[in-house]
């Protein structure tokens, strides 16, 4: 049987008793990183008396996932197999999605245990009242794909949860402030770890607060939903927006008698 098991996102005490019991009898571990999984198991053995399993450990990632499916697909039903990511809920923004799809396609039984999740923890801590949110994971690193994804995150009408690497957090805050400096944000640093810290404020204030800081650790960013009615932009205002050509062409087409393709070609020439 294949079981997807969440691992702590920081504090090892967040592991569940059910997870420990399953770890003890696991025969094959499929891991985002075998070194991180073995380190966690040693901690559980030392601190909580878990019996270290007599198991085989294999990496399972975006590079070798399909190869591993061929290798281990035939034994998923007959052996105790566990999939774990480095931290938090497996399958969420990680290659475990391949395993789930394979099991559904081949009609193989599998189970997913509940457990720690940076997404829901950060949203619960944010204090935003809507009760609804979207999860975008990591934005593209640069270029038009990043600009388009951030624009969507800012204007979808819901609170939106993002992951961000420390070396790009300052860039993200500046990008958000450029779009809407008064947008309310919640930042969660190093959730459940020793240096956990929460920040809440406008994009402008948080950008100023963290501008001269040394930014380290893992961050979750919650972008609050835009409050009040959306302002209707004029043709000239849309033309002046700092947007990639494709989304800008769509907006301009709605406000004129020219088509999207025509506007796109015009914008590319500018």
Protein backbone atom coordinates (compact mmCIF):
# COMPACT_ATOMS: atom_id res chain seq x y z
CA UNK A 1 0.00 0.00 0.00
CA UNK A 2 1.26 3.45 -0.85
CA UNK A 3 0.85 6.12 1.82
CA UNK A 4 1.62 9.82 1.48
CA UNK A 5 2.86 11.08 4.85
CA UNK A 6 3.24 14.75 5.84
CA UNK A 7 6.45 15.67 7.65
CA UNK A 8 7.04 18.59 10.06
CA UNK A 9 7.56 21.98 8.43
CA UNK A 10 9.93 22.93 11.25
CA UNK A 11 9.43 21.54 14.73
CA UNK A 12 9.90 17.72 14.80
CA UNK A 13 7.24 17.47 17.52
CA UNK A 14 4.62 18.19 14.88
CA UNK A 15 4.93 14.62 13.59
CA UNK A 16 1.87 12.48 14.28
CA UNK A 17 1.75 9.17 16.14
CA UNK A 18 0.12 7.61 13.10
CA UNK A 19 3.02 8.73 10.91
CA UNK A 20 5.58 7.26 13.32
CA UNK A 21 3.80 3.90 13.39
CA UNK A 22 3.70 3.78 9.59
CA UNK A 23 7.36 4.77 9.31
CA UNK A 24 8.34 1.84 11.56
CA UNK A 25 6.85 -0.76 9.22
CA UNK A 26 7.71 0.89 5.89
CA UNK A 27 9.69 -1.22 3.43
CA UNK A 28 10.34 1.39 0.71
CA UNK A 29 10.68 5.16 1.15
CA UNK A 30 10.22 7.35 -1.90
CA UNK A 31 11.63 10.73 -0.92
CA UNK A 32 12.03 14.19 -2.35
CA UNK A 33 15.52 13.99 -0.79
CA UNK A 34 16.66 10.76 0.91
CA UNK A 35 19.16 12.62 3.11
CA UNK A 36 16.46 14.83 4.63
CA UNK A 37 14.18 11.84 5.23
CA UNK A 38 16.91 9.80 6.94
CA UNK A 39 17.80 12.80 9.13
CA UNK A 40 14.16 13.14 10.21
CA UNK A 41 13.90 9.43 11.01
CA UNK A 42 17.05 9.60 13.16
CA UNK A 43 15.58 12.52 15.07
CA UNK A 44 12.37 10.59 15.66
CA UNK A 45 14.39 7.59 16.81
CA UNK A 46 16.49 9.64 19.26
CA UNK A 47 13.79 11.91 20.66
CA UNK A 48 10.63 9.83 20.53
CA UNK A 49 11.84 6.23 20.63
CA UNK A 50 10.72 5.32 17.13
CA UNK A 51 12.17 2.07 15.79
CA UNK A 52 14.27 2.99 12.76
CA UNK A 53 12.81 1.00 9.85
CA UNK A 54 14.68 -1.69 7.94
CA UNK A 55 13.83 -0.03 4.65
CA UNK A 56 15.18 0.96 1.27
CA UNK A 57 15.38 4.65 0.37
CA UNK A 58 15.01 6.09 -3.13
CA UNK A 59 14.76 9.62 -4.45
CA UNK A 60 11.59 10.55 -6.30
CA UNK A 61 11.65 13.95 -7.97
CA UNK A 62 10.72 15.84 -11.11
CA UNK A 63 13.81 14.49 -12.88
CA UNK A 64 13.42 10.76 -12.20
CA UNK A 65 9.72 10.46 -11.34
CA UNK A 66 8.65 8.67 -14.51
CA UNK A 67 11.59 6.27 -14.24
CA UNK A 68 10.69 5.49 -10.63
CA UNK A 69 7.09 4.75 -11.62
CA UNK A 70 8.32 2.06 -13.99
CA UNK A 71 10.63 0.72 -11.27
CA UNK A 72 8.21 0.66 -8.33
CA UNK A 73 4.75 0.70 -9.89
CA UNK A 74 4.45 -3.11 -9.74
CA UNK A 75 5.09 -3.26 -5.96
CA UNK A 76 2.94 -0.36 -4.74
CA UNK A 77 0.11 -2.76 -3.85
CA UNK A 78 2.18 -5.60 -2.39
CA UNK A 79 4.66 -3.69 -0.19
CA UNK A 80 4.48 -0.97 2.44
CA UNK A 81 5.60 2.09 0.48
CA UNK A 82 5.73 5.65 1.78
CA UNK A 83 6.17 8.91 -0.10
CA UNK A 84 7.43 11.98 1.79
CA UNK A 85 8.46 15.44 0.69
CA UNK A 86 11.14 17.39 2.56
CA UNK A 87 8.59 19.25 4.68
CA UNK A 88 4.84 19.56 4.99
CA UNK A 89 2.06 17.97 2.98
CA UNK A 90 3.30 15.78 0.13
CA UNK A 91 1.98 16.34 -3.40
CA UNK A 92 1.38 20.08 -2.77
CA UNK A 93 3.85 21.79 -5.12
CA UNK A 94 6.04 18.69 -5.37
CA UNK A 95 6.46 15.68 -7.70
CA UNK A 96 4.26 13.38 -5.60
CA UNK A 97 1.48 14.41 -8.01
CA UNK A 98 2.91 11.88 -10.45
CA UNK A 99 2.35 9.08 -7.94
CA UNK A 100 -1.23 10.09 -7.23
CA UNK A 101 -2.05 10.22 -10.95
CA UNK A 102 -0.39 6.83 -11.49
CA UNK A 103 -2.38 5.19 -8.68
CA UNK A 104 -5.65 6.61 -10.01
CA UNK A 105 -4.87 5.48 -13.54
CA UNK A 106 -3.85 1.97 -12.46
CA UNK A 107 -6.61 1.73 -9.80
CA UNK A 108 -4.07 1.20 -6.99
CA UNK A 109 -5.19 1.90 -3.44
CA UNK A 110 -3.36 4.74 -1.68
CA UNK A 111 -3.83 6.89 1.40
CA UNK A 112 -2.93 10.48 2.35
CA UNK A 113 -2.42 11.30 6.02
CA UNK A 114 -3.37 14.75 7.35
CA UNK A 115 -0.60 16.85 8.82
CA UNK A 116 1.45 20.02 8.84
CA UNK A 117 0.95 22.48 5.98
CA UNK A 118 2.61 25.88 5.59
CA UNK A 119 -0.29 27.05 3.39
CA UNK A 120 -3.11 26.59 5.89
CA UNK A 121 -0.93 27.53 8.88
CA UNK A 122 0.02 30.86 7.34
CA UNK A 123 -3.54 31.66 6.26
CA UNK A 124 -4.89 30.83 9.74
CA UNK A 125 -2.26 33.12 11.28
CA UNK A 126 -2.94 35.94 8.80
CA UNK A 127 -6.21 37.05 10.34
CA UNK A 128 -7.80 37.77 6.98
CA UNK A 129 -11.54 37.42 7.37
CA UNK A 130 -12.72 36.24 3.95
CA UNK A 131 -12.45 32.53 4.78
CA UNK A 132 -11.52 31.85 1.15
CA UNK A 133 -8.07 31.83 -0.43
CA UNK A 134 -6.16 30.67 -3.51
CA UNK A 135 -2.77 28.96 -3.42
CA UNK A 136 -0.26 29.90 -6.11
CA UNK A 137 2.87 28.13 -4.78
CA UNK A 138 6.10 29.67 -6.12
CA UNK A 139 5.78 32.33 -8.80
CA UNK A 140 7.97 32.02 -11.90
CA UNK A 141 11.37 33.52 -11.15
CA UNK A 142 11.48 36.30 -13.74
CA UNK A 143 10.23 37.85 -16.93
CA UNK A 144 6.73 37.99 -18.35
CA UNK A 145 5.62 34.69 -16.74
CA UNK A 146 6.35 36.17 -13.29
CA UNK A 147 4.66 39.50 -14.09
CA UNK A 148 1.56 37.76 -15.43
CA UNK A 149 1.29 35.37 -12.46
CA UNK A 150 1.71 38.19 -9.93
CA UNK A 151 -0.88 40.32 -11.73
CA UNK A 152 -3.32 37.42 -11.53
CA UNK A 153 -2.55 36.92 -7.83
CA UNK A 154 -3.20 40.59 -7.14
CA UNK A 155 -6.47 40.88 -9.06
CA UNK A 156 -8.30 37.56 -8.63
CA UNK A 157 -10.56 38.85 -5.87
CA UNK A 158 -9.35 36.43 -3.19
CA UNK A 159 -6.64 36.28 -0.57
CA UNK A 160 -3.74 34.52 -2.28
CA UNK A 161 -0.98 32.45 -0.67
CA UNK A 162 2.50 32.35 -2.20
CA UNK A 163 5.79 30.71 -1.32
CA UNK A 164 8.93 32.79 -1.78
CA UNK A 165 12.65 32.18 -1.43
CA UNK A 166 14.54 34.57 0.88
CA UNK A 167 16.69 36.02 -1.91
CA UNK A 168 13.57 37.00 -3.87
CA UNK A 169 11.35 38.27 -1.04
CA UNK A 170 12.54 41.87 -1.28
CA UNK A 171 11.95 41.81 -5.04
CA UNK A 172 8.43 40.45 -4.50
CA UNK A 173 7.54 43.18 -2.00
CA UNK A 174 8.72 45.87 -4.40
CA UNK A 175 6.74 44.30 -7.24
CA UNK A 176 3.56 44.19 -5.14
CA UNK A 177 4.07 47.76 -3.92
CA UNK A 178 4.46 48.93 -7.52
CA UNK A 179 1.05 47.47 -8.36
CA UNK A 180 -0.76 48.47 -5.16
CA UNK A 181 1.31 49.93 -2.32
CA UNK A 182 -1.69 49.92 0.03
CA UNK A 183 -2.49 46.22 -0.41
CA UNK A 184 -2.47 44.44 2.95
CA UNK A 185 -0.01 41.56 3.25
CA UNK A 186 0.85 38.92 5.83
CA UNK A 187 4.33 37.37 5.90
CA UNK A 188 5.24 34.23 7.84
CA UNK A 189 8.92 33.44 8.27
CA UNK A 190 10.26 30.01 9.29
CA UNK A 191 6.89 28.63 10.47
CA UNK A 192 7.18 26.51 13.66
CA UNK A 193 10.96 26.97 13.83
CA UNK A 194 13.10 28.81 16.39
CA UNK A 195 13.14 32.09 14.46
CA UNK A 196 9.48 32.09 13.42
CA UNK A 197 8.21 35.61 12.84
CA UNK A 198 4.97 37.13 11.58
CA UNK A 199 4.64 40.48 9.81
CA UNK A 200 1.44 42.24 8.73
CA UNK A 201 0.95 45.57 7.03
CA UNK A 202 0.68 47.29 3.69
CA UNK A 203 3.04 46.46 0.87
CA UNK A 204 4.61 49.88 1.30
CA UNK A 205 5.18 49.58 5.06
CA UNK A 206 6.56 46.04 4.90
CA UNK A 207 8.84 46.96 2.02
CA UNK A 208 10.26 49.82 4.12
CA UNK A 209 10.49 47.66 7.26
CA UNK A 210 12.45 44.85 5.60
CA UNK A 211 14.40 46.89 3.06
CA UNK A 212 17.65 46.97 5.06
CA UNK A 213 17.18 43.58 6.74
CA UNK A 214 19.16 40.42 6.06
CA UNK A 215 16.40 38.15 4.80
CA UNK A 216 16.86 34.47 5.52
CA UNK A 217 14.71 31.36 5.85
CA UNK A 218 11.53 30.14 4.21
CA UNK A 219 8.67 32.58 3.69
CA UNK A 220 4.95 32.31 3.08
CA UNK A 221 3.27 35.45 1.73
CA UNK A 222 -0.48 36.01 1.97
CA UNK A 223 -1.78 38.79 -0.28
CA UNK A 224 -5.04 40.18 1.03
CA UNK A 225 -7.97 40.47 -1.36
CA UNK A 226 -8.48 43.92 -2.84
CA UNK A 227 -11.08 45.78 -0.79
CA UNK A 228 -13.90 47.82 -2.24
CA UNK A 229 -15.06 47.97 -5.82
CA UNK A 230 -12.56 47.58 -8.60
CA UNK A 231 -11.82 50.89 -10.30
CA UNK A 232 -12.63 51.04 -13.99
CA UNK A 233 -9.50 52.06 -15.84
CA UNK A 234 -9.53 54.40 -18.80
CA UNK A 235 -7.88 53.57 -22.11
CA UNK A 236 -4.90 55.84 -21.31
CA UNK A 237 -4.51 54.33 -17.83
CA UNK A 238 -4.42 50.80 -19.25
CA UNK A 239 -1.90 51.89 -21.89
CA UNK A 240 0.34 53.29 -19.11
CA UNK A 241 0.23 50.13 -16.99
CA UNK A 242 3.50 48.25 -16.52
CA UNK A 243 2.16 44.91 -17.73
CA UNK A 244 3.46 42.25 -20.12
CA UNK A 245 2.19 42.69 -23.71
CA UNK A 246 -0.24 39.75 -23.68
CA UNK A 247 -2.46 40.74 -20.70
CA UNK A 248 -2.22 44.42 -21.68
CA UNK A 249 -3.35 43.58 -25.23
CA UNK A 250 -6.42 41.81 -23.82
CA UNK A 251 -7.37 44.86 -21.74
CA UNK A 252 -6.83 47.29 -24.61
CA UNK A 253 -8.92 45.13 -26.95
CA UNK A 254 -11.86 45.41 -24.56
CA UNK A 255 -11.61 49.21 -24.61
CA UNK A 256 -11.17 49.66 -28.36
CA UNK A 257 -12.25 48.34 -31.75
CA UNK A 258 -8.90 46.60 -32.33
CA UNK A 259 -8.36 42.92 -31.65
CA UNK A 260 -6.00 41.30 -29.14
CA UNK A 261 -3.57 40.14 -31.83
CA UNK A 262 -3.36 43.63 -33.35
CA UNK A 263 -2.71 45.26 -29.97
CA UNK A 264 -0.16 42.60 -29.12
CA UNK A 265 1.82 43.35 -32.29
CA UNK A 266 1.63 47.11 -31.58
CA UNK A 267 2.93 46.65 -28.02
CA UNK A 268 5.81 44.45 -29.16
CA UNK A 269 7.03 47.24 -31.45
CA UNK A 270 7.18 49.77 -28.60
